[in-house]
Amino acid sequence: MENKCFILKDNSEEIRKKILDAGIDVCLCAEFTDADWLEYHTSIANSVHGNGYPYEGMTKEETRALFLHEVQNPVYCNDVEEFIRLIKEFEDGKVK
């Protein structure tokens, strides 16, 4: 299977709760102040992670640019429901 990264350009306590309620693990990094996006990598496939907080020595903008440069096959989700659906389909072996 081809590795993908599902990206939700949104993050809030309510969104994280919906993801958790769907039975999907959410890493604590998703609660970081600058983590304004959520991501799920099928190559790692262990939990949803936060995105947007600066890496050491980098600005938030530099960190985001590096992430977008390195991520392969990004799939941008329109809303949390689509994000959850794609993760569940991947976990069930339906996303190729």
N, C-alpha and C. Protein backbone atom coordinates (compact mmCIF):
# COMPACT_ATOMS: atom_id res chain seq x y z
N MET A 1 0.82 -1.17 0.00
CA MET A 1 0.00 0.00 0.00
C MET A 1 0.87 1.25 0.00
N GLU A 2 0.40 2.24 -0.72
CA GLU A 2 1.09 3.52 -0.80
C GLU A 2 0.88 4.30 0.50
N ASN A 3 1.96 4.87 1.05
CA ASN A 3 1.85 5.67 2.26
C ASN A 3 1.17 6.99 1.96
N LYS A 4 0.33 7.42 2.87
CA LYS A 4 -0.40 8.68 2.73
C LYS A 4 -0.33 9.43 4.05
N CYS A 5 -0.63 10.71 3.96
CA CYS A 5 -0.77 11.53 5.16
C CYS A 5 -2.10 12.25 5.06
N PHE A 6 -3.01 11.96 5.99
CA PHE A 6 -4.29 12.64 6.04
C PHE A 6 -4.09 13.90 6.88
N ILE A 7 -4.52 15.04 6.35
CA ILE A 7 -4.31 16.32 7.02
C ILE A 7 -5.65 17.02 7.21
N LEU A 8 -5.87 17.47 8.42
CA LEU A 8 -7.03 18.30 8.74
C LEU A 8 -6.50 19.66 9.17
N LYS A 9 -6.81 20.69 8.39
CA LYS A 9 -6.31 22.03 8.69
C LYS A 9 -7.17 22.69 9.76
N ASP A 10 -7.35 22.00 10.84
CA ASP A 10 -8.14 22.48 11.96
C ASP A 10 -7.77 21.65 13.19
N ASN A 11 -7.98 22.22 14.35
CA ASN A 11 -7.68 21.50 15.60
C ASN A 11 -8.33 22.26 16.74
N SER A 12 -9.07 21.55 17.53
CA SER A 12 -9.70 22.12 18.72
C SER A 12 -9.98 20.99 19.69
N GLU A 13 -10.33 21.34 20.89
CA GLU A 13 -10.67 20.32 21.89
C GLU A 13 -11.87 19.51 21.41
N GLU A 14 -12.85 20.17 20.81
CA GLU A 14 -14.04 19.48 20.31
C GLU A 14 -13.69 18.49 19.21
N ILE A 15 -12.83 18.89 18.29
CA ILE A 15 -12.41 18.00 17.20
C ILE A 15 -11.66 16.80 17.75
N ARG A 16 -10.73 17.06 18.67
CA ARG A 16 -9.97 15.94 19.26
C ARG A 16 -10.89 14.97 19.99
N LYS A 17 -11.92 15.49 20.65
CA LYS A 17 -12.88 14.62 21.35
C LYS A 17 -13.63 13.76 20.34
N LYS A 18 -14.05 14.32 19.22
CA LYS A 18 -14.73 13.53 18.19
C LYS A 18 -13.84 12.40 17.69
N ILE A 19 -12.56 12.70 17.51
CA ILE A 19 -11.62 11.68 17.03
C ILE A 19 -11.45 10.58 18.08
N LEU A 20 -11.28 10.98 19.32
CA LEU A 20 -11.16 10.00 20.41
C LEU A 20 -12.43 9.16 20.54
N ASP A 21 -13.59 9.81 20.44
CA ASP A 21 -14.87 9.10 20.54
C ASP A 21 -15.04 8.08 19.41
N ALA A 22 -14.35 8.32 18.28
CA ALA A 22 -14.39 7.39 17.16
C ALA A 22 -13.43 6.22 17.36
N GLY A 23 -12.70 6.22 18.48
CA GLY A 23 -11.79 5.12 18.78
C GLY A 23 -10.40 5.29 18.21
N ILE A 24 -10.05 6.51 17.84
CA ILE A 24 -8.73 6.79 17.26
C ILE A 24 -7.89 7.51 18.31
N ASP A 25 -6.66 7.07 18.51
CA ASP A 25 -5.77 7.67 19.49
C ASP A 25 -5.31 9.04 19.01
N VAL A 26 -5.20 9.97 19.94
CA VAL A 26 -4.70 11.32 19.64
C VAL A 26 -3.50 11.59 20.54
N CYS A 27 -2.37 11.86 19.94
CA CYS A 27 -1.13 12.15 20.68
C CYS A 27 -1.29 13.45 21.47
N LEU A 28 -0.60 13.54 22.59
CA LEU A 28 -0.63 14.75 23.40
C LEU A 28 -0.12 15.98 22.65
N CYS A 29 0.71 15.77 21.63
CA CYS A 29 1.23 16.92 20.87
C CYS A 29 0.11 17.66 20.15
N ALA A 30 -1.04 17.03 19.96
CA ALA A 30 -2.17 17.70 19.32
C ALA A 30 -2.74 18.81 20.20
N GLU A 31 -2.39 18.79 21.49
CA GLU A 31 -2.86 19.81 22.42
C GLU A 31 -1.89 20.99 22.55
N PHE A 32 -0.73 20.91 21.91
CA PHE A 32 0.24 22.01 21.99
C PHE A 32 -0.40 23.29 21.46
N THR A 33 -0.03 24.41 22.03
CA THR A 33 -0.62 25.70 21.69
C THR A 33 -0.62 25.99 20.20
N ASP A 34 0.49 25.77 19.52
CA ASP A 34 0.59 26.10 18.10
C ASP A 34 0.18 24.97 17.17
N ALA A 35 -0.28 23.87 17.70
CA ALA A 35 -0.68 22.74 16.86
C ALA A 35 -2.07 23.01 16.29
N ASP A 36 -2.12 23.75 15.19
CA ASP A 36 -3.41 24.15 14.64
C ASP A 36 -3.90 23.26 13.51
N TRP A 37 -3.12 22.26 13.13
CA TRP A 37 -3.52 21.23 12.17
C TRP A 37 -3.40 19.88 12.85
N LEU A 38 -4.09 18.88 12.29
CA LEU A 38 -3.94 17.50 12.73
C LEU A 38 -3.49 16.67 11.54
N GLU A 39 -2.72 15.63 11.81
CA GLU A 39 -2.20 14.77 10.75
C GLU A 39 -2.20 13.32 11.20
N TYR A 40 -2.34 12.44 10.24
CA TYR A 40 -2.30 11.00 10.48
C TYR A 40 -1.51 10.37 9.33
N HIS A 41 -0.37 9.79 9.65
CA HIS A 41 0.49 9.16 8.64
C HIS A 41 0.21 7.66 8.60
N THR A 42 -0.12 7.16 7.42
CA THR A 42 -0.38 5.73 7.32
C THR A 42 0.89 4.90 7.49
N SER A 43 2.05 5.51 7.30
CA SER A 43 3.30 4.77 7.49
C SER A 43 3.59 4.55 8.97
N ILE A 44 3.05 5.40 9.81
CA ILE A 44 3.23 5.26 11.25
C ILE A 44 1.99 4.60 11.85
N ALA A 45 0.83 5.14 11.50
CA ALA A 45 -0.48 4.56 11.83
C ALA A 45 -0.66 4.19 13.29
N ASN A 46 -0.25 5.06 14.18
CA ASN A 46 -0.50 4.76 15.59
C ASN A 46 -1.41 5.79 16.25
N SER A 47 -1.42 7.01 15.74
CA SER A 47 -2.30 8.03 16.31
C SER A 47 -2.27 9.30 15.47
N VAL A 48 -3.20 10.17 15.80
CA VAL A 48 -3.27 11.49 15.19
C VAL A 48 -2.28 12.39 15.92
N HIS A 49 -1.57 13.21 15.17
CA HIS A 49 -0.59 14.11 15.75
C HIS A 49 -0.92 15.56 15.42
N GLY A 50 -0.43 16.45 16.26
CA GLY A 50 -0.58 17.87 16.02
C GLY A 50 0.48 18.35 15.05
N ASN A 51 0.16 19.42 14.35
CA ASN A 51 1.11 20.00 13.41
C ASN A 51 0.99 21.52 13.50
N GLY A 52 2.13 22.18 13.49
CA GLY A 52 2.15 23.64 13.51
C GLY A 52 3.04 24.21 14.59
N TYR A 53 3.30 23.43 15.62
CA TYR A 53 4.19 23.93 16.66
C TYR A 53 5.62 23.90 16.14
N PRO A 54 6.40 24.94 16.42
CA PRO A 54 7.75 25.04 15.84
C PRO A 54 8.70 23.98 16.40
N TYR A 55 9.49 23.41 15.50
CA TYR A 55 10.58 22.54 15.92
C TYR A 55 11.67 23.41 16.51
N GLU A 56 12.54 22.80 17.26
CA GLU A 56 13.62 23.53 17.94
C GLU A 56 14.43 24.36 16.94
N GLY A 57 14.54 25.65 17.22
CA GLY A 57 15.35 26.54 16.40
C GLY A 57 14.68 27.00 15.11
N MET A 58 13.43 26.64 14.91
CA MET A 58 12.72 27.02 13.69
C MET A 58 11.47 27.82 14.05
N THR A 59 11.03 28.66 13.14
CA THR A 59 9.77 29.35 13.34
C THR A 59 8.63 28.40 12.97
N LYS A 60 7.43 28.78 13.34
CA LYS A 60 6.26 27.99 12.97
C LYS A 60 6.17 27.87 11.45
N GLU A 61 6.41 28.96 10.75
CA GLU A 61 6.34 28.96 9.28
C GLU A 61 7.39 28.04 8.66
N GLU A 62 8.60 28.06 9.20
CA GLU A 62 9.66 27.18 8.71
C GLU A 62 9.32 25.72 8.96
N THR A 63 8.77 25.45 10.13
CA THR A 63 8.39 24.09 10.48
C THR A 63 7.30 23.58 9.54
N ARG A 64 6.29 24.40 9.30
CA ARG A 64 5.19 24.00 8.42
C ARG A 64 5.70 23.79 7.00
N ALA A 65 6.57 24.67 6.51
CA ALA A 65 7.13 24.54 5.16
C ALA A 65 7.93 23.24 5.04
N LEU A 66 8.72 22.91 6.05
CA LEU A 66 9.49 21.66 6.04
C LEU A 66 8.55 20.46 6.01
N PHE A 67 7.54 20.48 6.83
CA PHE A 67 6.56 19.39 6.86
C PHE A 67 5.92 19.19 5.48
N LEU A 68 5.44 20.28 4.88
CA LEU A 68 4.77 20.18 3.59
C LEU A 68 5.74 19.73 2.49
N HIS A 69 6.99 20.08 2.63
CA HIS A 69 8.01 19.64 1.65
C HIS A 69 8.27 18.14 1.79
N GLU A 70 8.28 17.65 3.00
CA GLU A 70 8.66 16.25 3.25
C GLU A 70 7.50 15.27 3.15
N VAL A 71 6.28 15.74 3.38
CA VAL A 71 5.15 14.81 3.39
C VAL A 71 4.89 14.30 1.97
N GLN A 72 4.61 13.01 1.89
CA GLN A 72 4.32 12.39 0.61
C GLN A 72 2.84 12.06 0.54
N ASN A 73 2.26 12.29 -0.60
CA ASN A 73 0.86 11.95 -0.84
C ASN A 73 -0.11 12.54 0.19
N PRO A 74 -0.07 13.86 0.39
CA PRO A 74 -1.01 14.45 1.35
C PRO A 74 -2.45 14.33 0.86
N VAL A 75 -3.33 14.05 1.79
CA VAL A 75 -4.76 14.02 1.51
C VAL A 75 -5.39 15.04 2.46
N TYR A 76 -5.83 16.16 1.90
CA TYR A 76 -6.43 17.22 2.71
C TYR A 76 -7.90 16.91 2.92
N CYS A 77 -8.31 16.88 4.17
CA CYS A 77 -9.69 16.56 4.52
C CYS A 77 -10.49 17.85 4.70
N ASN A 78 -11.73 17.83 4.27
CA ASN A 78 -12.60 19.00 4.35
C ASN A 78 -13.13 19.25 5.75
N ASP A 79 -13.26 18.18 6.54
CA ASP A 79 -13.81 18.32 7.89
C ASP A 79 -13.39 17.11 8.72
N VAL A 80 -13.71 17.17 10.00
CA VAL A 80 -13.29 16.10 10.91
C VAL A 80 -13.97 14.77 10.57
N GLU A 81 -15.17 14.82 10.05
CA GLU A 81 -15.86 13.58 9.68
C GLU A 81 -15.12 12.86 8.56
N GLU A 82 -14.67 13.61 7.56
CA GLU A 82 -13.89 12.99 6.47
C GLU A 82 -12.56 12.47 7.01
N PHE A 83 -11.91 13.23 7.87
CA PHE A 83 -10.65 12.83 8.49
C PHE A 83 -10.82 11.49 9.21
N ILE A 84 -11.85 11.40 10.04
CA ILE A 84 -12.13 10.16 10.79
C ILE A 84 -12.44 9.02 9.82
N ARG A 85 -13.28 9.28 8.83
CA ARG A 85 -13.66 8.23 7.88
C ARG A 85 -12.44 7.65 7.16
N LEU A 86 -11.54 8.52 6.70
CA LEU A 86 -10.35 8.04 5.99
C LEU A 86 -9.44 7.24 6.91
N ILE A 87 -9.28 7.68 8.14
CA ILE A 87 -8.46 6.92 9.09
C ILE A 87 -9.07 5.56 9.35
N LYS A 88 -10.37 5.52 9.57
CA LYS A 88 -11.06 4.25 9.82
C LYS A 88 -10.96 3.32 8.60
N GLU A 89 -11.13 3.89 7.40
CA GLU A 89 -11.00 3.07 6.20
C GLU A 89 -9.58 2.53 6.06
N PHE A 90 -8.59 3.33 6.37
CA PHE A 90 -7.21 2.85 6.34
C PHE A 90 -7.03 1.72 7.33
N GLU A 91 -7.51 1.92 8.56
CA GLU A 91 -7.33 0.90 9.59
C GLU A 91 -8.07 -0.39 9.25
N ASP A 92 -9.17 -0.27 8.49
CA ASP A 92 -9.93 -1.44 8.06
C ASP A 92 -9.40 -2.04 6.76
N GLY A 93 -8.33 -1.43 6.20
CA GLY A 93 -7.71 -1.93 4.99
C GLY A 93 -8.40 -1.52 3.70
N LYS A 94 -9.26 -0.50 3.78
CA LYS A 94 -10.00 -0.08 2.57
C LYS A 94 -9.33 1.04 1.80
N VAL A 95 -8.45 1.80 2.43
CA VAL A 95 -7.76 2.90 1.74
C VAL A 95 -6.50 2.34 1.09
N LYS A 96 -6.36 2.55 -0.18
CA LYS A 96 -5.19 2.06 -0.91
C LYS A 96 -4.30 3.21 -1.29
